Amino acid sequence: MSTFSHISVQDVADFSGTVSIVDIRDPQSYANGHMPNAAPLNNDNFATFVEQTPKDTPVVVVCYHGVSSQQAAQVIAQQGFETVYSMDGGFEAWRLANPVETE
């Protein structure tokens, strides 16, 4: 059974190579600030994400505080992705130490 791993904010910041960062927070929160290169992911675009993202691309799931992202990461892992992470501390932890982009 596919599962996900936990990853720290620092490890995500240091990630080299291709990675898909998906933000599962609500659209307003995403617009108000998100991680660079993060894409919003919700029920409306989930199927498209699964179809269009190579299964060998590492996926980092980001939510508010790193709780909801664990369940979402599990669901994504079950879609056949090889490497899936839930970012501990979520966007709130990222925002304290790293750059944030707004719409």
PDB file of N, CA and C in Angstrom:
ATOM      1  N   MET A   1       0.844  -1.204   0.000  1.00  0.00           N
ATOM      2  CA  MET A   1       0.000   0.000   0.000  1.00  0.00           C
ATOM      3  C   MET A   1       0.879   1.255   0.000  1.00  0.00           C
ATOM      4  N   SER A   2       0.546   2.160  -0.847  1.00  0.00           N
ATOM      5  CA  SER A   2       1.313   3.400  -0.928  1.00  0.00           C
ATOM      6  C   SER A   2       1.052   4.258   0.294  1.00  0.00           C
ATOM      7  N   THR A   3       2.086   4.928   0.728  1.00  0.00           N
ATOM      8  CA  THR A   3       1.943   5.812   1.867  1.00  0.00           C
ATOM      9  C   THR A   3       2.777   7.054   1.617  1.00  0.00           C
ATOM     10  N   PHE A   4       2.696   7.996   2.544  1.00  0.00           N
ATOM     11  CA  PHE A   4       3.419   9.255   2.397  1.00  0.00           C
ATOM     12  C   PHE A   4       4.442   9.375   3.518  1.00  0.00           C
ATOM     13  N   SER A   5       5.330  10.349   3.392  1.00  0.00           N
ATOM     14  CA  SER A   5       6.334  10.637   4.412  1.00  0.00           C
ATOM     15  C   SER A   5       6.134  12.069   4.900  1.00  0.00           C
ATOM     16  N   HIS A   6       6.686  12.346   6.058  1.00  0.00           N
ATOM     17  CA  HIS A   6       6.685  13.725   6.554  1.00  0.00           C
ATOM     18  C   HIS A   6       7.951  14.413   6.069  1.00  0.00           C
ATOM     19  N   ILE A   7       7.843  15.723   5.806  1.00  0.00           N
ATOM     20  CA  ILE A   7       9.009  16.496   5.386  1.00  0.00           C
ATOM     21  C   ILE A   7       8.956  17.831   6.114  1.00  0.00           C
ATOM     22  N   SER A   8      10.130  18.322   6.487  1.00  0.00           N
ATOM     23  CA  SER A   8      10.182  19.596   7.213  1.00  0.00           C
ATOM     24  C   SER A   8      10.152  20.766   6.236  1.00  0.00           C
ATOM     25  N   VAL A   9       9.787  21.931   6.753  1.00  0.00           N
ATOM     26  CA  VAL A   9       9.798  23.151   5.957  1.00  0.00           C
ATOM     27  C   VAL A   9      11.191  23.371   5.369  1.00  0.00           C
ATOM     28  N   GLN A  10      12.216  23.165   6.186  1.00  0.00           N
ATOM     29  CA  GLN A  10      13.589  23.395   5.717  1.00  0.00           C
ATOM     30  C   GLN A  10      13.953  22.440   4.584  1.00  0.00           C
ATOM     31  N   ASP A  11      13.532  21.180   4.707  1.00  0.00           N
ATOM     32  CA  ASP A  11      13.833  20.219   3.649  1.00  0.00           C
ATOM     33  C   ASP A  11      13.122  20.579   2.350  1.00  0.00           C
ATOM     34  N   VAL A  12      11.908  21.120   2.449  1.00  0.00           N
ATOM     35  CA  VAL A  12      11.209  21.563   1.238  1.00  0.00           C
ATOM     36  C   VAL A  12      11.944  22.761   0.642  1.00  0.00           C
ATOM     37  N   ALA A  13      12.371  23.677   1.483  1.00  0.00           N
ATOM     38  CA  ALA A  13      13.089  24.869   1.001  1.00  0.00           C
ATOM     39  C   ALA A  13      14.395  24.471   0.310  1.00  0.00           C
ATOM     40  N   ASP A  14      15.013  23.397   0.799  1.00  0.00           N
ATOM     41  CA  ASP A  14      16.291  22.947   0.248  1.00  0.00           C
ATOM     42  C   ASP A  14      16.144  21.969  -0.909  1.00  0.00           C
ATOM     43  N   PHE A  15      14.913  21.592  -1.236  1.00  0.00           N
ATOM     44  CA  PHE A  15      14.663  20.572  -2.257  1.00  0.00           C
ATOM     45  C   PHE A  15      15.286  20.995  -3.572  1.00  0.00           C
ATOM     46  N   SER A  16      16.050  20.093  -4.167  1.00  0.00           N
ATOM     47  CA  SER A  16      16.605  20.380  -5.482  1.00  0.00           C
ATOM     48  C   SER A  16      15.972  19.417  -6.481  1.00  0.00           C
ATOM     49  N   GLY A  17      15.829  19.876  -7.684  1.00  0.00           N
ATOM     50  CA  GLY A  17      15.208  19.037  -8.695  1.00  0.00           C
ATOM     51  C   GLY A  17      13.720  19.329  -8.801  1.00  0.00           C
ATOM     52  N   THR A  18      13.056  18.527  -9.588  1.00  0.00           N
ATOM     53  CA  THR A  18      11.645  18.731  -9.863  1.00  0.00           C
ATOM     54  C   THR A  18      10.811  18.247  -8.685  1.00  0.00           C
ATOM     55  N   VAL A  19       9.877  19.088  -8.258  1.00  0.00           N
ATOM     56  CA  VAL A  19       8.949  18.706  -7.206  1.00  0.00           C
ATOM     57  C   VAL A  19       7.629  19.420  -7.481  1.00  0.00           C
ATOM     58  N   SER A  20       6.542  18.752  -7.196  1.00  0.00           N
ATOM     59  CA  SER A  20       5.223  19.355  -7.357  1.00  0.00           C
ATOM     60  C   SER A  20       4.697  19.714  -5.973  1.00  0.00           C
ATOM     61  N   ILE A  21       4.536  21.013  -5.709  1.00  0.00           N
ATOM     62  CA  ILE A  21       4.012  21.469  -4.420  1.00  0.00           C
ATOM     63  C   ILE A  21       2.544  21.818  -4.611  1.00  0.00           C
ATOM     64  N   VAL A  22       1.679  21.120  -3.871  1.00  0.00           N
ATOM     65  CA  VAL A  22       0.247  21.378  -3.990  1.00  0.00           C
ATOM     66  C   VAL A  22      -0.285  21.939  -2.678  1.00  0.00           C
ATOM     67  N   ASP A  23      -1.073  22.996  -2.783  1.00  0.00           N
ATOM     68  CA  ASP A  23      -1.623  23.719  -1.641  1.00  0.00           C
ATOM     69  C   ASP A  23      -3.112  23.406  -1.567  1.00  0.00           C
ATOM     70  N   ILE A  24      -3.537  22.756  -0.493  1.00  0.00           N
ATOM     71  CA  ILE A  24      -4.938  22.325  -0.388  1.00  0.00           C
ATOM     72  C   ILE A  24      -5.787  23.281   0.453  1.00  0.00           C
ATOM     73  N   ARG A  25      -5.231  24.449   0.790  1.00  0.00           N
ATOM     74  CA  ARG A  25      -6.025  25.429   1.541  1.00  0.00           C
ATOM     75  C   ARG A  25      -7.107  26.032   0.648  1.00  0.00           C
ATOM     76  N   ASP A  26      -8.004  26.786   1.253  1.00  0.00           N
ATOM     77  CA  ASP A  26      -9.092  27.382   0.470  1.00  0.00           C
ATOM     78  C   ASP A  26      -8.531  28.447  -0.479  1.00  0.00           C
ATOM     79  N   PRO A  27      -9.279  28.732  -1.564  1.00  0.00           N
ATOM     80  CA  PRO A  27      -8.774  29.660  -2.602  1.00  0.00           C
ATOM     81  C   PRO A  27      -8.405  31.044  -2.067  1.00  0.00           C
ATOM     82  N   GLN A  28      -9.170  31.564  -1.114  1.00  0.00           N
ATOM     83  CA  GLN A  28      -8.875  32.893  -0.567  1.00  0.00           C
ATOM     84  C   GLN A  28      -7.535  32.893   0.173  1.00  0.00           C
ATOM     85  N   SER A  29      -7.300  31.854   0.961  1.00  0.00           N
ATOM     86  CA  SER A  29      -6.027  31.757   1.681  1.00  0.00           C
ATOM     87  C   SER A  29      -4.866  31.649   0.701  1.00  0.00           C
ATOM     88  N   TYR A  30      -5.062  30.843  -0.350  1.00  0.00           N
ATOM     89  CA  TYR A  30      -4.024  30.688  -1.374  1.00  0.00           C
ATOM     90  C   TYR A  30      -3.726  32.036  -2.030  1.00  0.00           C
ATOM     91  N   ALA A  31      -4.761  32.777  -2.381  1.00  0.00           N
ATOM     92  CA  ALA A  31      -4.583  34.073  -3.035  1.00  0.00           C
ATOM     93  C   ALA A  31      -3.874  35.064  -2.122  1.00  0.00           C
ATOM     94  N   ASN A  32      -4.128  34.965  -0.818  1.00  0.00           N
ATOM     95  CA  ASN A  32      -3.525  35.884   0.144  1.00  0.00           C
ATOM     96  C   ASN A  32      -2.053  35.590   0.384  1.00  0.00           C
ATOM     97  N   GLY A  33      -1.620  34.388   0.054  1.00  0.00           N
ATOM     98  CA  GLY A  33      -0.216  34.059   0.200  1.00  0.00           C
ATOM     99  C   GLY A  33       0.011  32.568   0.075  1.00  0.00           C
ATOM    100  N   HIS A  34       1.027  32.187  -0.713  1.00  0.00           N
ATOM    101  CA  HIS A  34       1.354  30.778  -0.884  1.00  0.00           C
ATOM    102  C   HIS A  34       2.849  30.621  -1.148  1.00  0.00           C
ATOM    103  N   MET A  35       3.295  29.389  -1.094  1.00  0.00           N
ATOM    104  CA  MET A  35       4.701  29.095  -1.352  1.00  0.00           C
ATOM    105  C   MET A  35       5.010  29.322  -2.829  1.00  0.00           C
ATOM    106  N   PRO A  36       6.222  29.780  -3.131  1.00  0.00           N
ATOM    107  CA  PRO A  36       6.611  29.900  -4.542  1.00  0.00           C
ATOM    108  C   PRO A  36       6.464  28.539  -5.235  1.00  0.00           C
ATOM    109  N   ASN A  37       5.941  28.555  -6.432  1.00  0.00           N
ATOM    110  CA  ASN A  37       5.758  27.349  -7.251  1.00  0.00           C
ATOM    111  C   ASN A  37       4.673  26.401  -6.743  1.00  0.00           C
ATOM    112  N   ALA A  38       3.951  26.803  -5.705  1.00  0.00           N
ATOM    113  CA  ALA A  38       2.864  25.950  -5.219  1.00  0.00           C
ATOM    114  C   ALA A  38       1.632  26.155  -6.089  1.00  0.00           C
ATOM    115  N   ALA A  39       0.926  25.058  -6.353  1.00  0.00           N
ATOM    116  CA  ALA A  39      -0.301  25.119  -7.150  1.00  0.00           C
ATOM    117  C   ALA A  39      -1.474  24.741  -6.255  1.00  0.00           C
ATOM    118  N   PRO A  40      -2.602  25.438  -6.410  1.00  0.00           N
ATOM    119  CA  PRO A  40      -3.769  25.059  -5.611  1.00  0.00           C
ATOM    120  C   PRO A  40      -4.295  23.695  -6.045  1.00  0.00           C
ATOM    121  N   LEU A  41      -4.701  22.898  -5.082  1.00  0.00           N
ATOM    122  CA  LEU A  41      -5.275  21.581  -5.388  1.00  0.00           C
ATOM    123  C   LEU A  41      -6.563  21.424  -4.592  1.00  0.00           C
ATOM    124  N   ASN A  42      -7.645  21.105  -5.316  1.00  0.00           N
ATOM    125  CA  ASN A  42      -8.943  20.924  -4.664  1.00  0.00           C
ATOM    126  C   ASN A  42      -9.731  19.853  -5.422  1.00  0.00           C
ATOM    127  N   ASN A  43     -10.943  19.619  -4.987  1.00  0.00           N
ATOM    128  CA  ASN A  43     -11.764  18.586  -5.617  1.00  0.00           C
ATOM    129  C   ASN A  43     -12.001  18.860  -7.095  1.00  0.00           C
ATOM    130  N   ASP A  44     -12.038  20.141  -7.477  1.00  0.00           N
ATOM    131  CA  ASP A  44     -12.326  20.493  -8.864  1.00  0.00           C
ATOM    132  C   ASP A  44     -11.186  20.129  -9.814  1.00  0.00           C
ATOM    133  N   ASN A  45      -9.944  20.207  -9.354  1.00  0.00           N
ATOM    134  CA  ASN A  45      -8.826  19.956 -10.266  1.00  0.00           C
ATOM    135  C   ASN A  45      -8.006  18.717  -9.890  1.00  0.00           C
ATOM    136  N   PHE A  46      -8.479  17.944  -8.924  1.00  0.00           N
ATOM    137  CA  PHE A  46      -7.722  16.777  -8.454  1.00  0.00           C
ATOM    138  C   PHE A  46      -7.520  15.753  -9.567  1.00  0.00           C
ATOM    139  N   ALA A  47      -8.573  15.423 -10.298  1.00  0.00           N
ATOM    140  CA  ALA A  47      -8.469  14.413 -11.357  1.00  0.00           C
ATOM    141  C   ALA A  47      -7.477  14.855 -12.432  1.00  0.00           C
ATOM    142  N   THR A  48      -7.498  16.126 -12.785  1.00  0.00           N
ATOM    143  CA  THR A  48      -6.567  16.665 -13.774  1.00  0.00           C
ATOM    144  C   THR A  48      -5.138  16.569 -13.267  1.00  0.00           C
ATOM    145  N   PHE A  49      -4.933  16.905 -11.985  1.00  0.00           N
ATOM    146  CA  PHE A  49      -3.600  16.805 -11.380  1.00  0.00           C
ATOM    147  C   PHE A  49      -3.081  15.371 -11.477  1.00  0.00           C
ATOM    148  N   VAL A  50      -3.913  14.407 -11.123  1.00  0.00           N
ATOM    149  CA  VAL A  50      -3.506  12.998 -11.145  1.00  0.00           C
ATOM    150  C   VAL A  50      -3.161  12.567 -12.571  1.00  0.00           C
ATOM    151  N   GLU A  51      -3.962  13.012 -13.537  1.00  0.00           N
ATOM    152  CA  GLU A  51      -3.736  12.631 -14.938  1.00  0.00           C
ATOM    153  C   GLU A  51      -2.475  13.271 -15.516  1.00  0.00           C
ATOM    154  N   GLN A  52      -2.202  14.520 -15.152  1.00  0.00           N
ATOM    155  CA  GLN A  52      -1.160  15.288 -15.837  1.00  0.00           C
ATOM    156  C   GLN A  52       0.186  15.301 -15.124  1.00  0.00           C
ATOM    157  N   THR A  53       0.243  14.826 -13.882  1.00  0.00           N
ATOM    158  CA  THR A  53       1.498  14.840 -13.137  1.00  0.00           C
ATOM    159  C   THR A  53       2.166  13.476 -13.225  1.00  0.00           C
ATOM    160  N   PRO A  54       3.423  13.435 -13.703  1.00  0.00           N
ATOM    161  CA  PRO A  54       4.116  12.139 -13.767  1.00  0.00           C
ATOM    162  C   PRO A  54       4.189  11.492 -12.384  1.00  0.00           C
ATOM    163  N   LYS A  55       3.974  10.186 -12.344  1.00  0.00           N
ATOM    164  CA  LYS A  55       3.916   9.476 -11.063  1.00  0.00           C
ATOM    165  C   LYS A  55       5.257   9.420 -10.354  1.00  0.00           C
ATOM    166  N   ASP A  56       6.347   9.704 -11.085  1.00  0.00           N
ATOM    167  CA  ASP A  56       7.653   9.700 -10.436  1.00  0.00           C
ATOM    168  C   ASP A  56       8.077  11.094  -9.959  1.00  0.00           C
ATOM    169  N   THR A  57       7.194  12.077 -10.125  1.00  0.00           N
ATOM    170  CA  THR A  57       7.474  13.416  -9.611  1.00  0.00           C
ATOM    171  C   THR A  57       7.152  13.454  -8.120  1.00  0.00           C
ATOM    172  N   PRO A  58       8.115  13.848  -7.270  1.00  0.00           N
ATOM    173  CA  PRO A  58       7.789  13.977  -5.845  1.00  0.00           C
ATOM    174  C   PRO A  58       6.714  15.043  -5.634  1.00  0.00           C
ATOM    175  N   VAL A  59       5.763  14.742  -4.761  1.00  0.00           N
ATOM    176  CA  VAL A  59       4.663  15.660  -4.475  1.00  0.00           C
ATOM    177  C   VAL A  59       4.736  16.072  -3.004  1.00  0.00           C
ATOM    178  N   VAL A  60       4.688  17.386  -2.749  1.00  0.00           N
ATOM    179  CA  VAL A  60       4.649  17.907  -1.384  1.00  0.00           C
ATOM    180  C   VAL A  60       3.279  18.537  -1.179  1.00  0.00           C
ATOM    181  N   VAL A  61       2.547  18.049  -0.174  1.00  0.00           N
ATOM    182  CA  VAL A  61       1.209  18.564   0.118  1.00  0.00           C
ATOM    183  C   VAL A  61       1.300  19.558   1.278  1.00  0.00           C
ATOM    184  N   VAL A  62       0.698  20.731   1.067  1.00  0.00           N
ATOM    185  CA  VAL A  62       0.750  21.804   2.055  1.00  0.00           C
ATOM    186  C   VAL A  62      -0.669  22.210   2.439  1.00  0.00           C
ATOM    187  N   CYS A  63      -0.920  22.332   3.745  1.00  0.00           N
ATOM    188  CA  CYS A  63      -2.199  22.858   4.230  1.00  0.00           C
ATOM    189  C   CYS A  63      -1.886  23.990   5.197  1.00  0.00           C
ATOM    190  N   TYR A  64      -2.781  24.270   6.125  1.00  0.00           N
ATOM    191  CA  TYR A  64      -2.569  25.373   7.065  1.00  0.00           C
ATOM    192  C   TYR A  64      -1.474  25.047   8.083  1.00  0.00           C
ATOM    193  N   HIS A  65      -1.614  23.905   8.773  1.00  0.00           N
ATOM    194  CA  HIS A  65      -0.712  23.584   9.882  1.00  0.00           C
ATOM    195  C   HIS A  65      -0.098  22.196   9.792  1.00  0.00           C
ATOM    196  N   GLY A  66      -0.281  21.489   8.667  1.00  0.00           N
ATOM    197  CA  GLY A  66       0.323  20.176   8.508  1.00  0.00           C
ATOM    198  C   GLY A  66      -0.530  19.033   9.018  1.00  0.00           C
ATOM    199  N   VAL A  67      -1.830  19.270   9.215  1.00  0.00           N
ATOM    200  CA  VAL A  67      -2.731  18.215   9.687  1.00  0.00           C
ATOM    201  C   VAL A  67      -3.548  17.651   8.523  1.00  0.00           C
ATOM    202  N   SER A  68      -4.310  18.517   7.853  1.00  0.00           N
ATOM    203  CA  SER A  68      -5.133  18.088   6.715  1.00  0.00           C
ATOM    204  C   SER A  68      -4.277  17.518   5.593  1.00  0.00           C
ATOM    205  N   SER A  69      -3.063  18.016   5.467  1.00  0.00           N
ATOM    206  CA  SER A  69      -2.185  17.570   4.383  1.00  0.00           C
ATOM    207  C   SER A  69      -1.834  16.091   4.505  1.00  0.00           C
ATOM    208  N   GLN A  70      -1.875  15.552   5.723  1.00  0.00           N
ATOM    209  CA  GLN A  70      -1.543  14.136   5.896  1.00  0.00           C
ATOM    210  C   GLN A  70      -2.586  13.250   5.214  1.00  0.00           C
ATOM    211  N   GLN A  71      -3.847  13.567   5.400  1.00  0.00           N
ATOM    212  CA  GLN A  71      -4.902  12.793   4.754  1.00  0.00           C
ATOM    213  C   GLN A  71      -4.843  12.962   3.240  1.00  0.00           C
ATOM    214  N   ALA A  72      -4.632  14.194   2.790  1.00  0.00           N
ATOM    215  CA  ALA A  72      -4.540  14.443   1.350  1.00  0.00           C
ATOM    216  C   ALA A  72      -3.340  13.731   0.747  1.00  0.00           C
ATOM    217  N   ALA A  73      -2.205  13.732   1.465  1.00  0.00           N
ATOM    218  CA  ALA A  73      -1.007  13.049   0.974  1.00  0.00           C
ATOM    219  C   ALA A  73      -1.266  11.552   0.833  1.00  0.00           C
ATOM    220  N   GLN A  74      -2.006  10.984   1.758  1.00  0.00           N
ATOM    221  CA  GLN A  74      -2.339   9.561   1.688  1.00  0.00           C
ATOM    222  C   GLN A  74      -3.171   9.274   0.444  1.00  0.00           C
ATOM    223  N   VAL A  75      -4.159  10.125   0.184  1.00  0.00           N
ATOM    224  CA  VAL A  75      -5.011   9.956  -1.003  1.00  0.00           C
ATOM    225  C   VAL A  75      -4.174  10.051  -2.280  1.00  0.00           C
ATOM    226  N   ILE A  76      -3.270  11.019  -2.330  1.00  0.00           N
ATOM    227  CA  ILE A  76      -2.418  11.188  -3.515  1.00  0.00           C
ATOM    228  C   ILE A  76      -1.509   9.968  -3.684  1.00  0.00           C
ATOM    229  N   ALA A  77      -0.945   9.476  -2.589  1.00  0.00           N
ATOM    230  CA  ALA A  77      -0.079   8.293  -2.659  1.00  0.00           C
ATOM    231  C   ALA A  77      -0.849   7.095  -3.212  1.00  0.00           C
ATOM    232  N   GLN A  78      -2.115   6.998  -2.863  1.00  0.00           N
ATOM    233  CA  GLN A  78      -2.939   5.887  -3.324  1.00  0.00           C
ATOM    234  C   GLN A  78      -3.247   5.974  -4.820  1.00  0.00           C
ATOM    235  N   GLN A  79      -2.971   7.140  -5.431  1.00  0.00           N
ATOM    236  CA  GLN A  79      -3.184   7.300  -6.872  1.00  0.00           C
ATOM    237  C   GLN A  79      -1.989   6.794  -7.678  1.00  0.00           C
ATOM    238  N   GLY A  80      -0.985   6.265  -6.991  1.00  0.00           N
ATOM    239  CA  GLY A  80       0.153   5.686  -7.696  1.00  0.00           C
ATOM    240  C   GLY A  80       1.408   6.529  -7.725  1.00  0.00           C
ATOM    241  N   PHE A  81       1.401   7.660  -7.022  1.00  0.00           N
ATOM    242  CA  PHE A  81       2.610   8.489  -6.981  1.00  0.00           C
ATOM    243  C   PHE A  81       3.661   7.810  -6.115  1.00  0.00           C
ATOM    244  N   GLU A  82       4.912   7.854  -6.587  1.00  0.00           N
ATOM    245  CA  GLU A  82       5.990   7.125  -5.926  1.00  0.00           C
ATOM    246  C   GLU A  82       6.451   7.796  -4.634  1.00  0.00           C
ATOM    247  N   THR A  83       6.517   9.127  -4.633  1.00  0.00           N
ATOM    248  CA  THR A  83       7.040   9.856  -3.483  1.00  0.00           C
ATOM    249  C   THR A  83       6.093  10.996  -3.126  1.00  0.00           C
ATOM    250  N   VAL A  84       5.463  10.905  -1.959  1.00  0.00           N
ATOM    251  CA  VAL A  84       4.518  11.932  -1.521  1.00  0.00           C
ATOM    252  C   VAL A  84       4.879  12.353  -0.099  1.00  0.00           C
ATOM    253  N   TYR A  85       4.908  13.663   0.119  1.00  0.00           N
ATOM    254  CA  TYR A  85       5.229  14.211   1.436  1.00  0.00           C
ATOM    255  C   TYR A  85       4.093  15.078   1.959  1.00  0.00           C
ATOM    256  N   SER A  86       3.935  15.072   3.271  1.00  0.00           N
ATOM    257  CA  SER A  86       3.105  16.046   3.966  1.00  0.00           C
ATOM    258  C   SER A  86       4.065  16.980   4.694  1.00  0.00           C
ATOM    259  N   MET A  87       3.956  18.281   4.431  1.00  0.00           N
ATOM    260  CA  MET A  87       4.899  19.222   5.034  1.00  0.00           C
ATOM    261  C   MET A  87       4.480  19.557   6.460  1.00  0.00           C
ATOM    262  N   ASP A  88       5.326  19.180   7.395  1.00  0.00           N
ATOM    263  CA  ASP A  88       5.050  19.422   8.809  1.00  0.00           C
ATOM    264  C   ASP A  88       4.971  20.922   9.095  1.00  0.00           C
ATOM    265  N   GLY A  89       3.965  21.326   9.847  1.00  0.00           N
ATOM    266  CA  GLY A  89       3.799  22.729  10.202  1.00  0.00           C
ATOM    267  C   GLY A  89       2.993  23.516   9.195  1.00  0.00           C
ATOM    268  N   GLY A  90       2.860  22.969   7.990  1.00  0.00           N
ATOM    269  CA  GLY A  90       2.035  23.599   6.961  1.00  0.00           C
ATOM    270  C   GLY A  90       2.531  24.971   6.525  1.00  0.00           C
ATOM    271  N   PHE A  91       1.637  25.685   5.849  1.00  0.00           N
ATOM    272  CA  PHE A  91       1.989  27.002   5.317  1.00  0.00           C
ATOM    273  C   PHE A  91       2.352  27.973   6.429  1.00  0.00           C
ATOM    274  N   GLU A  92       1.696  27.853   7.584  1.00  0.00           N
ATOM    275  CA  GLU A  92       1.985  28.774   8.685  1.00  0.00           C
ATOM    276  C   GLU A  92       3.445  28.668   9.114  1.00  0.00           C
ATOM    277  N   ALA A  93       3.985  27.457   9.128  1.00  0.00           N
ATOM    278  CA  ALA A  93       5.397  27.273   9.482  1.00  0.00           C
ATOM    279  C   ALA A  93       6.304  27.800   8.370  1.00  0.00           C
ATOM    280  N   TRP A  94       5.911  27.560   7.112  1.00  0.00           N
ATOM    281  CA  TRP A  94       6.696  28.054   5.976  1.00  0.00           C
ATOM    282  C   TRP A  94       6.813  29.577   6.028  1.00  0.00           C
ATOM    283  N   ARG A  95       5.681  30.226   6.282  1.00  0.00           N
ATOM    284  CA  ARG A  95       5.597  31.687   6.228  1.00  0.00           C
ATOM    285  C   ARG A  95       6.546  32.352   7.228  1.00  0.00           C
ATOM    286  N   LEU A  96       6.839  31.675   8.323  1.00  0.00           N
ATOM    287  CA  LEU A  96       7.698  32.258   9.349  1.00  0.00           C
ATOM    288  C   LEU A  96       9.145  32.389   8.899  1.00  0.00           C
ATOM    289  N   ALA A  97       9.573  31.549   7.965  1.00  0.00           N
ATOM    290  CA  ALA A  97      10.993  31.502   7.642  1.00  0.00           C
ATOM    291  C   ALA A  97      11.315  31.662   6.169  1.00  0.00           C
ATOM    292  N   ASN A  98      10.294  31.724   5.312  1.00  0.00           N
ATOM    293  CA  ASN A  98      10.551  31.677   3.876  1.00  0.00           C
ATOM    294  C   ASN A  98       9.683  32.682   3.119  1.00  0.00           C
ATOM    295  N   PRO A  99      10.064  32.950   1.870  1.00  0.00           N
ATOM    296  CA  PRO A  99       9.291  33.897   1.055  1.00  0.00           C
ATOM    297  C   PRO A  99       7.897  33.371   0.731  1.00  0.00           C
ATOM    298  N   VAL A 100       6.983  34.302   0.570  1.00  0.00           N
ATOM    299  CA  VAL A 100       5.590  33.989   0.255  1.00  0.00           C
ATOM    300  C   VAL A 100       5.200  34.803  -0.967  1.00  0.00           C
ATOM    301  N   GLU A 101       4.424  34.188  -1.843  1.00  0.00           N
ATOM    302  CA  GLU A 101       3.922  34.897  -3.023  1.00  0.00           C
ATOM    303  C   GLU A 101       2.426  35.138  -2.849  1.00  0.00           C
ATOM    304  N   THR A 102       1.964  36.261  -3.404  1.00  0.00           N
ATOM    305  CA  THR A 102       0.527  36.553  -3.382  1.00  0.00           C
ATOM    306  C   THR A 102       0.044  36.708  -4.809  1.00  0.00           C
ATOM    307  N   GLU A 103      -1.245  36.592  -4.986  1.00  0.00           N
ATOM    308  CA  GLU A 103      -1.823  36.727  -6.326  1.00  0.00           C
ATOM    309  C   GLU A 103      -1.873  38.188  -6.718  1.00  0.00           C
TER     310      GLU A 103
END
